[in-house]
C-alpha atoms as a PDB file:
ATOM      1  CA  MET A   1      -7.525   3.010  -5.425  1.00  0.00           C
ATOM      2  CA  LYS A   2      -9.633   0.836  -3.146  1.00  0.00           C
ATOM      3  CA  LYS A   3      -8.457   1.332   0.435  1.00  0.00           C
ATOM      4  CA  ILE A   4      -8.450   4.911   1.681  1.00  0.00           C
ATOM      5  CA  ALA A   5      -7.453   6.291   5.079  1.00  0.00           C
ATOM      6  CA  VAL A   6      -9.106   9.503   6.249  1.00  0.00           C
ATOM      7  CA  ILE A   7      -7.653  11.878   8.840  1.00  0.00           C
ATOM      8  CA  GLY A   8     -10.063  14.441  10.265  1.00  0.00           C
ATOM      9  CA  ALA A   9     -13.116  12.346   9.398  1.00  0.00           C
ATOM     10  CA  SER A  10     -15.334  13.398  12.303  1.00  0.00           C
ATOM     11  CA  GLY A  11     -15.365  17.124  11.500  1.00  0.00           C
ATOM     12  CA  MET A  12     -17.755  19.364   9.578  1.00  0.00           C
ATOM     13  CA  LEU A  13     -15.935  18.791   6.274  1.00  0.00           C
ATOM     14  CA  GLY A  14     -14.248  15.450   6.890  1.00  0.00           C
ATOM     15  CA  TRP A  15     -17.398  13.506   7.745  1.00  0.00           C
ATOM     16  CA  PRO A  16     -19.181  14.179   4.411  1.00  0.00           C
ATOM     17  CA  VAL A  17     -16.060  13.018   2.553  1.00  0.00           C
ATOM     18  CA  ALA A  18     -15.670   9.851   4.642  1.00  0.00           C
ATOM     19  CA  LYS A  19     -19.341   8.941   4.090  1.00  0.00           C
ATOM     20  CA  ALA A  20     -19.220   9.694   0.364  1.00  0.00           C
ATOM     21  CA  LEU A  21     -16.139   7.521  -0.107  1.00  0.00           C
ATOM     22  CA  ALA A  22     -17.775   4.670   1.818  1.00  0.00           C
ATOM     23  CA  ASP A  23     -21.007   5.046  -0.173  1.00  0.00           C
ATOM     24  CA  ALA A  24     -18.996   4.909  -3.408  1.00  0.00           C
ATOM     25  CA  GLY A  25     -17.632   1.485  -2.470  1.00  0.00           C
ATOM     26  CA  PHE A  26     -14.196   2.390  -1.152  1.00  0.00           C
ATOM     27  CA  GLU A  27     -12.905   0.672   1.961  1.00  0.00           C
ATOM     28  CA  VAL A  28     -12.498   3.590   4.356  1.00  0.00           C
ATOM     29  CA  THR A  29     -10.505   3.612   7.588  1.00  0.00           C
ATOM     30  CA  ALA A  30     -10.613   6.792   9.667  1.00  0.00           C
ATOM     31  CA  LEU A  31      -8.412   8.030  12.490  1.00  0.00           C
ATOM     32  CA  ILE A  32     -10.127   9.133  15.689  1.00  0.00           C
ATOM     33  CA  ARG A  33      -8.695  10.336  19.005  1.00  0.00           C
ATOM     34  CA  SER A  34     -11.178   8.492  21.203  1.00  0.00           C
ATOM     35  CA  SER A  35     -13.329   5.437  20.491  1.00  0.00           C
ATOM     36  CA  LYS A  36     -16.121   7.188  22.432  1.00  0.00           C
ATOM     37  CA  ASN A  37     -16.606   9.516  19.439  1.00  0.00           C
ATOM     38  CA  ILE A  38     -16.933   6.812  16.794  1.00  0.00           C
ATOM     39  CA  LYS A  39     -19.827   7.283  14.361  1.00  0.00           C
ATOM     40  CA  PRO A  40     -20.944   3.873  13.054  1.00  0.00           C
ATOM     41  CA  TYR A  41     -21.328   3.835   9.268  1.00  0.00           C
ATOM     42  CA  PRO A  42     -21.350   1.011   6.668  1.00  0.00           C
ATOM     43  CA  ASN A  43     -17.995   0.262   5.023  1.00  0.00           C
ATOM     44  CA  LEU A  44     -16.226   2.665   7.392  1.00  0.00           C
ATOM     45  CA  ASN A  45     -13.748   1.444  10.007  1.00  0.00           C
ATOM     46  CA  TRP A  46     -12.045   3.435  12.756  1.00  0.00           C
ATOM     47  CA  VAL A  47      -8.536   3.391  14.218  1.00  0.00           C
ATOM     48  CA  GLU A  48      -7.942   5.103  17.549  1.00  0.00           C
ATOM     49  CA  GLY A  49      -4.868   7.304  17.509  1.00  0.00           C
ATOM     50  CA  ASP A  50      -3.383  10.744  17.105  1.00  0.00           C
ATOM     51  CA  LEU A  51      -1.259  12.699  14.641  1.00  0.00           C
ATOM     52  CA  ARG A  52       1.372  13.042  17.359  1.00  0.00           C
ATOM     53  CA  ASN A  53       1.656   9.235  17.595  1.00  0.00           C
ATOM     54  CA  PRO A  54       3.604   7.695  14.663  1.00  0.00           C
ATOM     55  CA  GLU A  55       2.649   4.175  15.721  1.00  0.00           C
ATOM     56  CA  SER A  56      -1.075   4.864  15.361  1.00  0.00           C
ATOM     57  CA  LEU A  57      -0.450   6.560  12.003  1.00  0.00           C
ATOM     58  CA  GLN A  58       1.458   3.542  10.763  1.00  0.00           C
ATOM     59  CA  LYS A  59      -1.418   1.306  11.861  1.00  0.00           C
ATOM     60  CA  LEU A  60      -3.841   3.561   9.989  1.00  0.00           C
ATOM     61  CA  LEU A  61      -1.835   3.802   6.753  1.00  0.00           C
ATOM     62  CA  MET A  62      -0.385   0.306   6.485  1.00  0.00           C
ATOM     63  CA  GLY A  63      -1.915  -1.533   3.517  1.00  0.00           C
ATOM     64  CA  LYS A  64      -3.846   1.510   2.281  1.00  0.00           C
ATOM     65  CA  ASP A  65      -3.722   2.915  -1.238  1.00  0.00           C
ATOM     66  CA  ALA A  66      -4.305   6.560  -0.312  1.00  0.00           C
ATOM     67  CA  VAL A  67      -4.937   9.012   2.510  1.00  0.00           C
ATOM     68  CA  HIS A  68      -7.315  11.966   2.602  1.00  0.00           C
ATOM     69  CA  LEU A  69      -6.284  14.819   4.905  1.00  0.00           C
ATOM     70  CA  ASN A  70      -8.791  17.182   6.479  1.00  0.00           C
ATOM     71  CA  LEU A  71      -6.517  19.198   8.765  1.00  0.00           C
ATOM     72  CA  SER A  72      -7.020  22.658  10.200  1.00  0.00           C
ATOM     73  CA  VAL A  73      -5.706  25.272  12.604  1.00  0.00           C
ATOM     74  CA  LYS A  74      -8.008  25.648  15.594  1.00  0.00           C
ATOM     75  CA  GLN A  75      -9.179  29.131  16.482  1.00  0.00           C
ATOM     76  CA  THR A  76      -7.547  28.821  19.897  1.00  0.00           C
ATOM     77  CA  GLU A  77      -4.075  27.893  18.584  1.00  0.00           C
ATOM     78  CA  LYS A  78      -1.109  30.224  18.750  1.00  0.00           C
ATOM     79  CA  GLU A  79       1.771  30.376  16.287  1.00  0.00           C
ATOM     80  CA  THR A  80       4.168  28.726  18.752  1.00  0.00           C
ATOM     81  CA  ASP A  81       1.823  25.769  19.411  1.00  0.00           C
ATOM     82  CA  TRP A  82       1.996  22.290  17.893  1.00  0.00           C
ATOM     83  CA  HIS A  83      -0.138  22.242  14.713  1.00  0.00           C
ATOM     84  CA  ALA A  84      -1.847  19.331  12.991  1.00  0.00           C
ATOM     85  CA  GLU A  85      -1.310  21.097   9.660  1.00  0.00           C
ATOM     86  CA  GLU A  86       2.431  21.424  10.247  1.00  0.00           C
ATOM     87  CA  GLN A  87       4.082  18.887  12.560  1.00  0.00           C
ATOM     88  CA  GLY A  88       1.146  16.488  12.208  1.00  0.00           C
ATOM     89  CA  LEU A  89       1.362  16.690   8.425  1.00  0.00           C
ATOM     90  CA  GLU A  90       5.097  16.002   8.583  1.00  0.00           C
ATOM     91  CA  ASN A  91       4.398  12.802  10.525  1.00  0.00           C
ATOM     92  CA  VAL A  92       1.763  11.670   8.034  1.00  0.00           C
ATOM     93  CA  LEU A  93       3.916  12.295   4.959  1.00  0.00           C
ATOM     94  CA  GLN A  94       6.918  10.541   6.462  1.00  0.00           C
ATOM     95  CA  ILE A  95       4.935   7.403   7.254  1.00  0.00           C
ATOM     96  CA  ALA A  96       2.988   7.569   3.960  1.00  0.00           C
ATOM     97  CA  GLN A  97       6.277   7.425   2.089  1.00  0.00           C
ATOM     98  CA  ALA A  98       7.508   4.539   4.248  1.00  0.00           C
ATOM     99  CA  VAL A  99       4.407   2.363   3.678  1.00  0.00           C
ATOM    100  CA  ASN A 100       4.121   3.187  -0.053  1.00  0.00           C
ATOM    101  CA  ILE A 101       0.909   5.219  -0.046  1.00  0.00           C
ATOM    102  CA  LYS A 102       0.054   5.937  -3.692  1.00  0.00           C
ATOM    103  CA  ARG A 103      -1.961   9.135  -3.341  1.00  0.00           C
ATOM    104  CA  VAL A 104      -2.645  11.985  -0.941  1.00  0.00           C
ATOM    105  CA  THR A 105      -5.709  14.219  -1.142  1.00  0.00           C
ATOM    106  CA  TYR A 106      -5.679  17.348   0.965  1.00  0.00           C
ATOM    107  CA  LEU A 107      -8.157  20.094   1.832  1.00  0.00           C
ATOM    108  CA  SER A 108      -6.351  23.437   1.669  1.00  0.00           C
ATOM    109  CA  SER A 109      -7.786  26.956   1.324  1.00  0.00           C
ATOM    110  CA  LEU A 110      -8.570  29.383  -1.482  1.00  0.00           C
ATOM    111  CA  ILE A 111      -8.672  32.478   0.696  1.00  0.00           C
ATOM    112  CA  MET A 112      -5.084  31.910   1.824  1.00  0.00           C
ATOM    113  CA  ASN A 113      -4.160  33.501  -1.522  1.00  0.00           C
ATOM    114  CA  TYR A 114      -5.016  36.818   0.150  1.00  0.00           C
ATOM    115  CA  GLN A 115      -1.688  36.519   1.977  1.00  0.00           C
ATOM    116  CA  GLY A 116       0.535  39.444   0.971  1.00  0.00           C
ATOM    117  CA  THR A 117      -2.343  41.538  -0.441  1.00  0.00           C
ATOM    118  CA  ASN A 118      -2.850  44.991   1.095  1.00  0.00           C
ATOM    119  CA  ASN A 119       0.054  44.233   3.468  1.00  0.00           C
ATOM    120  CA  PHE A 120      -1.930  41.347   4.963  1.00  0.00           C
ATOM    121  CA  ASP A 121       0.354  38.880   6.736  1.00  0.00           C
ATOM    122  CA  TRP A 122      -0.926  36.086   8.986  1.00  0.00           C
ATOM    123  CA  TRP A 123       0.986  33.100  10.297  1.00  0.00           C
ATOM    124  CA  VAL A 124      -2.006  30.774   9.667  1.00  0.00           C
ATOM    125  CA  PHE A 125      -1.919  31.467   5.925  1.00  0.00           C
ATOM    126  CA  ARG A 126       1.877  31.097   5.897  1.00  0.00           C
ATOM    127  CA  LEU A 127       1.443  27.714   7.585  1.00  0.00           C
ATOM    128  CA  LYS A 128      -1.160  26.621   5.024  1.00  0.00           C
ATOM    129  CA  GLN A 129       1.071  27.642   2.129  1.00  0.00           C
ATOM    130  CA  LYS A 130       3.930  25.718   3.710  1.00  0.00           C
ATOM    131  CA  ALA A 131       1.674  22.642   4.020  1.00  0.00           C
ATOM    132  CA  VAL A 132       0.929  22.701   0.286  1.00  0.00           C
ATOM    133  CA  ALA A 133       4.644  22.974  -0.458  1.00  0.00           C
ATOM    134  CA  GLN A 134       5.369  20.027   1.863  1.00  0.00           C
ATOM    135  CA  ILE A 135       2.902  17.827   0.001  1.00  0.00           C
ATOM    136  CA  LYS A 136       4.123  18.873  -3.426  1.00  0.00           C
ATOM    137  CA  ASN A 137       7.745  18.236  -2.413  1.00  0.00           C
ATOM    138  CA  SER A 138       6.975  14.851  -0.832  1.00  0.00           C
ATOM    139  CA  GLY A 139       7.197  12.961  -4.104  1.00  0.00           C
ATOM    140  CA  LEU A 140       3.749  11.481  -3.503  1.00  0.00           C
ATOM    141  CA  GLN A 141       0.959  11.689  -6.066  1.00  0.00           C
ATOM    142  CA  ALA A 142      -1.470  14.312  -4.755  1.00  0.00           C
ATOM    143  CA  ALA A 143      -4.734  16.151  -5.367  1.00  0.00           C
ATOM    144  CA  ILE A 144      -5.020  19.423  -3.458  1.00  0.00           C
ATOM    145  CA  PHE A 145      -8.398  21.113  -3.035  1.00  0.00           C
ATOM    146  CA  TYR A 146      -8.708  24.887  -2.584  1.00  0.00           C
ATOM    147  CA  PRO A 147     -12.280  25.640  -1.462  1.00  0.00           C
ATOM    148  CA  SER A 148     -14.261  28.835  -1.416  1.00  0.00           C
ATOM    149  CA  THR A 149     -16.579  29.374   1.560  1.00  0.00           C
ATOM    150  CA  PHE A 150     -18.591  26.332   2.597  1.00  0.00           C
ATOM    151  CA  MET A 151     -22.330  26.770   3.092  1.00  0.00           C
ATOM    152  CA  GLU A 152     -21.959  24.920   6.387  1.00  0.00           C
ATOM    153  CA  THR A 153     -20.176  27.913   7.892  1.00  0.00           C
ATOM    154  CA  LEU A 154     -23.505  29.744   7.905  1.00  0.00           C
ATOM    155  CA  VAL A 155     -24.712  27.170  10.436  1.00  0.00           C
ATOM    156  CA  HIS A 156     -21.575  26.459  12.434  1.00  0.00           C
ATOM    157  CA  GLN A 157     -19.847  29.851  12.473  1.00  0.00           C
ATOM    158  CA  TYR A 158     -22.293  32.635  11.635  1.00  0.00           C
ATOM    159  CA  LYS A 159     -25.348  31.301  13.462  1.00  0.00           C
ATOM    160  CA  ALA A 160     -25.539  31.701  17.247  1.00  0.00           C
ATOM    161  CA  GLY A 161     -28.948  30.760  18.587  1.00  0.00           C
ATOM    162  CA  PRO A 162     -31.516  33.049  16.937  1.00  0.00           C
ATOM    163  CA  PHE A 163     -28.825  35.382  15.587  1.00  0.00           C
ATOM    164  CA  MET A 164     -26.656  35.553  12.480  1.00  0.00           C
ATOM    165  CA  LEU A 165     -23.447  37.312  13.504  1.00  0.00           C
ATOM    166  CA  LEU A 166     -21.581  39.457  10.984  1.00  0.00           C
ATOM    167  CA  ALA A 167     -18.499  41.633  11.335  1.00  0.00           C
ATOM    168  CA  GLY A 168     -17.504  44.321   8.879  1.00  0.00           C
ATOM    169  CA  LYS A 169     -18.751  44.234   5.304  1.00  0.00           C
ATOM    170  CA  SER A 170     -17.750  41.806   2.555  1.00  0.00           C
ATOM    171  CA  LYS A 171     -16.588  43.715  -0.529  1.00  0.00           C
ATOM    172  CA  HIS A 172     -16.551  40.761  -2.936  1.00  0.00           C
ATOM    173  CA  LYS A 173     -18.712  37.757  -3.727  1.00  0.00           C
ATOM    174  CA  GLN A 174     -17.792  34.207  -2.702  1.00  0.00           C
ATOM    175  CA  TYR A 175     -18.773  31.026  -4.551  1.00  0.00           C
ATOM    176  CA  PHE A 176     -20.400  29.234  -1.606  1.00  0.00           C
ATOM    177  CA  ILE A 177     -20.325  25.434  -1.935  1.00  0.00           C
ATOM    178  CA  ALA A 178     -22.006  22.640   0.024  1.00  0.00           C
ATOM    179  CA  ALA A 179     -19.743  20.094   1.712  1.00  0.00           C
ATOM    180  CA  ALA A 180     -21.763  17.296   0.094  1.00  0.00           C
ATOM    181  CA  ASP A 181     -20.865  18.563  -3.398  1.00  0.00           C
ATOM    182  CA  TYR A 182     -17.216  18.899  -2.430  1.00  0.00           C
ATOM    183  CA  ALA A 183     -17.289  15.339  -1.057  1.00  0.00           C
ATOM    184  CA  GLN A 184     -18.504  14.016  -4.406  1.00  0.00           C
ATOM    185  CA  GLN A 185     -15.653  15.798  -6.155  1.00  0.00           C
ATOM    186  CA  VAL A 186     -13.168  14.139  -3.794  1.00  0.00           C
ATOM    187  CA  VAL A 187     -14.740  10.762  -4.618  1.00  0.00           C
ATOM    188  CA  GLN A 188     -14.433  11.440  -8.339  1.00  0.00           C
ATOM    189  CA  SER A 189     -10.762  12.352  -7.952  1.00  0.00           C
ATOM    190  CA  TYR A 190     -10.135   8.829  -6.662  1.00  0.00           C
ATOM    191  CA  LYS A 191     -11.741   7.358  -9.760  1.00  0.00           C
ATOM    192  CA  LEU A 192      -9.306   9.144 -12.068  1.00  0.00           C
ATOM    193  CA  SER A 193      -5.820   8.060 -13.054  1.00  0.00           C
ATOM    194  CA  LEU A 194      -3.865  11.100 -11.911  1.00  0.00           C
ATOM    195  CA  THR A 195      -0.152  11.766 -12.170  1.00  0.00           C
ATOM    196  CA  GLY A 196       1.966  14.182 -10.178  1.00  0.00           C
ATOM    197  CA  THR A 197       0.122  16.865  -8.253  1.00  0.00           C
ATOM    198  CA  GLN A 198      -3.259  18.202  -9.348  1.00  0.00           C
ATOM    199  CA  ASP A 199      -4.665  21.493  -7.997  1.00  0.00           C
ATOM    200  CA  TYR A 200      -8.465  21.835  -7.837  1.00  0.00           C
ATOM    201  CA  VAL A 201     -10.330  25.027  -6.972  1.00  0.00           C
ATOM    202  CA  ILE A 202     -13.597  24.134  -5.214  1.00  0.00           C
ATOM    203  CA  GLN A 203     -16.409  26.627  -5.885  1.00  0.00           C
ATOM    204  CA  GLY A 204     -20.187  26.523  -5.938  1.00  0.00           C
ATOM    205  CA  PRO A 205     -22.550  27.506  -8.749  1.00  0.00           C
ATOM    206  CA  THR A 206     -23.355  31.072  -7.629  1.00  0.00           C
ATOM    207  CA  ALA A 207     -21.399  33.849  -5.921  1.00  0.00           C
ATOM    208  CA  TYR A 208     -22.760  35.944  -3.055  1.00  0.00           C
ATOM    209  CA  THR A 209     -21.467  38.492  -0.617  1.00  0.00           C
ATOM    210  CA  THR A 210     -21.706  37.335   2.988  1.00  0.00           C
ATOM    211  CA  ASP A 211     -24.706  39.644   3.504  1.00  0.00           C
ATOM    212  CA  GLU A 212     -26.486  38.162   0.476  1.00  0.00           C
ATOM    213  CA  ALA A 213     -25.750  34.613   1.621  1.00  0.00           C
ATOM    214  CA  VAL A 214     -27.052  35.297   5.125  1.00  0.00           C
ATOM    215  CA  ALA A 215     -30.218  36.874   3.691  1.00  0.00           C
ATOM    216  CA  ILE A 216     -30.893  33.804   1.510  1.00  0.00           C
ATOM    217  CA  PHE A 217     -30.208  31.506   4.448  1.00  0.00           C
ATOM    218  CA  LYS A 218     -32.683  33.406   6.638  1.00  0.00           C
ATOM    219  CA  GLN A 219     -35.355  33.408   3.917  1.00  0.00           C
ATOM    220  CA  ASN A 220     -35.178  29.648   3.399  1.00  0.00           C
ATOM    221  CA  THR A 221     -34.989  28.305   6.947  1.00  0.00           C
ATOM    222  CA  SER A 222     -37.945  27.714   9.230  1.00  0.00           C
ATOM    223  CA  ALA A 223     -36.292  29.507  12.168  1.00  0.00           C
ATOM    224  CA  ASN A 224     -36.773  33.193  12.912  1.00  0.00           C
ATOM    225  CA  LEU A 225     -33.264  34.604  12.677  1.00  0.00           C
ATOM    226  CA  PHE A 226     -32.005  38.111  13.319  1.00  0.00           C
ATOM    227  CA  THR A 227     -28.812  39.682  11.996  1.00  0.00           C
ATOM    228  CA  LEU A 228     -26.343  41.361  14.333  1.00  0.00           C
ATOM    229  CA  ARG A 229     -23.305  43.200  12.979  1.00  0.00           C
ATOM    230  CA  ALA A 230     -20.171  44.310  14.806  1.00  0.00           C
ATOM    231  CA  PRO A 231     -17.479  46.655  13.504  1.00  0.00           C
ATOM    232  CA  LEU A 232     -14.404  44.690  12.474  1.00  0.00           C
ATOM    233  CA  GLY A 233     -12.316  47.060  14.564  1.00  0.00           C
ATOM    234  CA  LEU A 234     -14.151  45.875  17.667  1.00  0.00           C
ATOM    235  CA  ILE A 235     -13.226  42.257  16.898  1.00  0.00           C
ATOM    236  CA  ARG A 236      -9.632  43.376  16.441  1.00  0.00           C
ATOM    237  CA  PHE A 237      -9.632  45.131  19.827  1.00  0.00           C
ATOM    238  CA  TYR A 238     -10.949  42.116  21.730  1.00  0.00           C
ATOM    239  CA  GLY A 239      -8.495  39.951  19.804  1.00  0.00           C
ATOM    240  CA  ARG A 240      -5.754  41.480  21.956  1.00  0.00           C
ATOM    241  CA  PHE A 241      -7.200  39.603  24.924  1.00  0.00           C
ATOM    242  CA  PHE A 242      -8.868  36.512  23.429  1.00  0.00           C
ATOM    243  CA  GLN A 243      -7.099  34.187  20.981  1.00  0.00           C
ATOM    244  CA  LYS A 244     -10.358  33.086  19.350  1.00  0.00           C
ATOM    245  CA  MET A 245     -11.260  36.699  18.595  1.00  0.00           C
ATOM    246  CA  HIS A 246      -7.729  37.310  17.284  1.00  0.00           C
ATOM    247  CA  TYR A 247      -8.199  34.425  14.842  1.00  0.00           C
ATOM    248  CA  GLY A 248     -11.690  35.659  13.933  1.00  0.00           C
ATOM    249  CA  PHE A 249     -10.459  39.150  13.078  1.00  0.00           C
ATOM    250  CA  HIS A 250      -7.863  37.882  10.618  1.00  0.00           C
ATOM    251  CA  ILE A 251     -10.112  35.387   8.849  1.00  0.00           C
ATOM    252  CA  LEU A 252     -12.936  37.927   8.589  1.00  0.00           C
ATOM    253  CA  GLU A 253     -10.613  40.602   7.224  1.00  0.00           C
ATOM    254  CA  ALA A 254      -9.422  38.196   4.537  1.00  0.00           C
ATOM    255  CA  LEU A 255     -12.957  36.997   3.718  1.00  0.00           C
ATOM    256  CA  ASN A 256     -14.271  40.547   3.454  1.00  0.00           C
ATOM    257  CA  ASP A 257     -11.457  41.791   1.203  1.00  0.00           C
ATOM    258  CA  TYR A 258     -10.402  38.804  -0.931  1.00  0.00           C
ATOM    259  CA  PRO A 259     -11.399  39.452  -4.595  1.00  0.00           C
ATOM    260  CA  GLU A 260     -12.489  35.904  -5.408  1.00  0.00           C
ATOM    261  CA  LYS A 261     -12.822  34.988  -9.076  1.00  0.00           C
ATOM    262  CA  PHE A 262     -14.340  31.895 -10.658  1.00  0.00           C
ATOM    263  CA  GLU A 263     -11.496  29.414 -11.157  1.00  0.00           C
ATOM    264  CA  ALA A 264     -13.245  26.032 -10.945  1.00  0.00           C
ATOM    265  CA  LYS A 265     -13.618  25.264 -14.672  1.00  0.00           C
ATOM    266  CA  LYS A 266     -10.978  22.510 -14.571  1.00  0.00           C
ATOM    267  CA  THR A 267     -12.499  21.053 -11.400  1.00  0.00           C
ATOM    268  CA  TRP A 268     -15.985  20.918 -12.890  1.00  0.00           C
ATOM    269  CA  GLN A 269     -14.696  19.305 -16.101  1.00  0.00           C
ATOM    270  CA  GLN A 270     -12.746  16.581 -14.302  1.00  0.00           C
ATOM    271  CA  LEU A 271     -14.629  16.090 -11.028  1.00  0.00           C
ATOM    272  CA  GLY A 272     -18.194  17.165 -11.846  1.00  0.00           C
ATOM    273  CA  GLU A 273     -20.255  20.279 -11.248  1.00  0.00           C
ATOM    274  CA  PRO A 274     -21.761  21.076  -7.836  1.00  0.00           C
ATOM    275  CA  LYS A 275     -25.535  20.666  -7.705  1.00  0.00           C
ATOM    276  CA  ILE A 276     -26.713  22.088  -4.385  1.00  0.00           C
ATOM    277  CA  SER A 277     -27.863  25.719  -4.388  1.00  0.00           C
ATOM    278  CA  LEU A 278     -27.703  27.916  -1.315  1.00  0.00           C
ATOM    279  CA  GLU A 279     -31.505  27.950  -1.242  1.00  0.00           C
ATOM    280  CA  GLU A 280     -31.665  24.128  -1.229  1.00  0.00           C
ATOM    281  CA  PHE A 281     -29.011  23.879   1.453  1.00  0.00           C
ATOM    282  CA  SER A 282     -30.837  26.376   3.662  1.00  0.00           C
ATOM    283  CA  LYS A 283     -34.121  24.493   3.352  1.00  0.00           C
ATOM    284  CA  GLN A 284     -32.416  21.233   4.345  1.00  0.00           C
ATOM    285  CA  VAL A 285     -31.026  22.909   7.444  1.00  0.00           C
END
């Protein structure tokens, strides 16, 4: 494995992986919608294109050994919309098979396992489960990553100016992990001789409730932050009128109620243990 294509490289979780692969000596080529958004980085090339455009995907994947997929459902998407993690994934897998890609690595979700618990049913989790099945049935060698909550969400989703926004109350602890540690585990997976499909649970060293994580984040950053909490029912009400709030209600309900257990023993043995604590991450921010 020397030449790796990355789809979703410019995002919060894709960029750390693309950089880590480049730093590790892999020849990385990333797909980007517009050349205006290119981030120059050593050993990292860019191809302008889109998941809807098979020609640009073929240009991206031709001559590559593997492809890393960082796909997601946007908070503004509806079930009837076109989805990168459904139709886009179908396009990628079809072309990957045609150009003899050897391996696919894919960022999935751990919390999607809440689907079906306590009568919880959400089309986003059904879509994500379908995506995993598509990859496993593609006949391609694959490594699928199922992450707990990323520490970066404290910055990009919970933080709004001087406020940390919470909704409801988390009943169980989550093994928060830094994207940089996850990126190193992806790199290590490309250094192994894998066969078939490998499933890897991605978890950090210590588990916290959302309230505990926010408190640690506030204690270790230089900014003066204040916590605001809304009833989850209020988010559900406004979700009738705003798609982003509708998405937020479902993901928060799952996060608050999912009984996460430590399942990353295999991942740590094969791909290395995460090193960044929540305190260290918060200080870097």
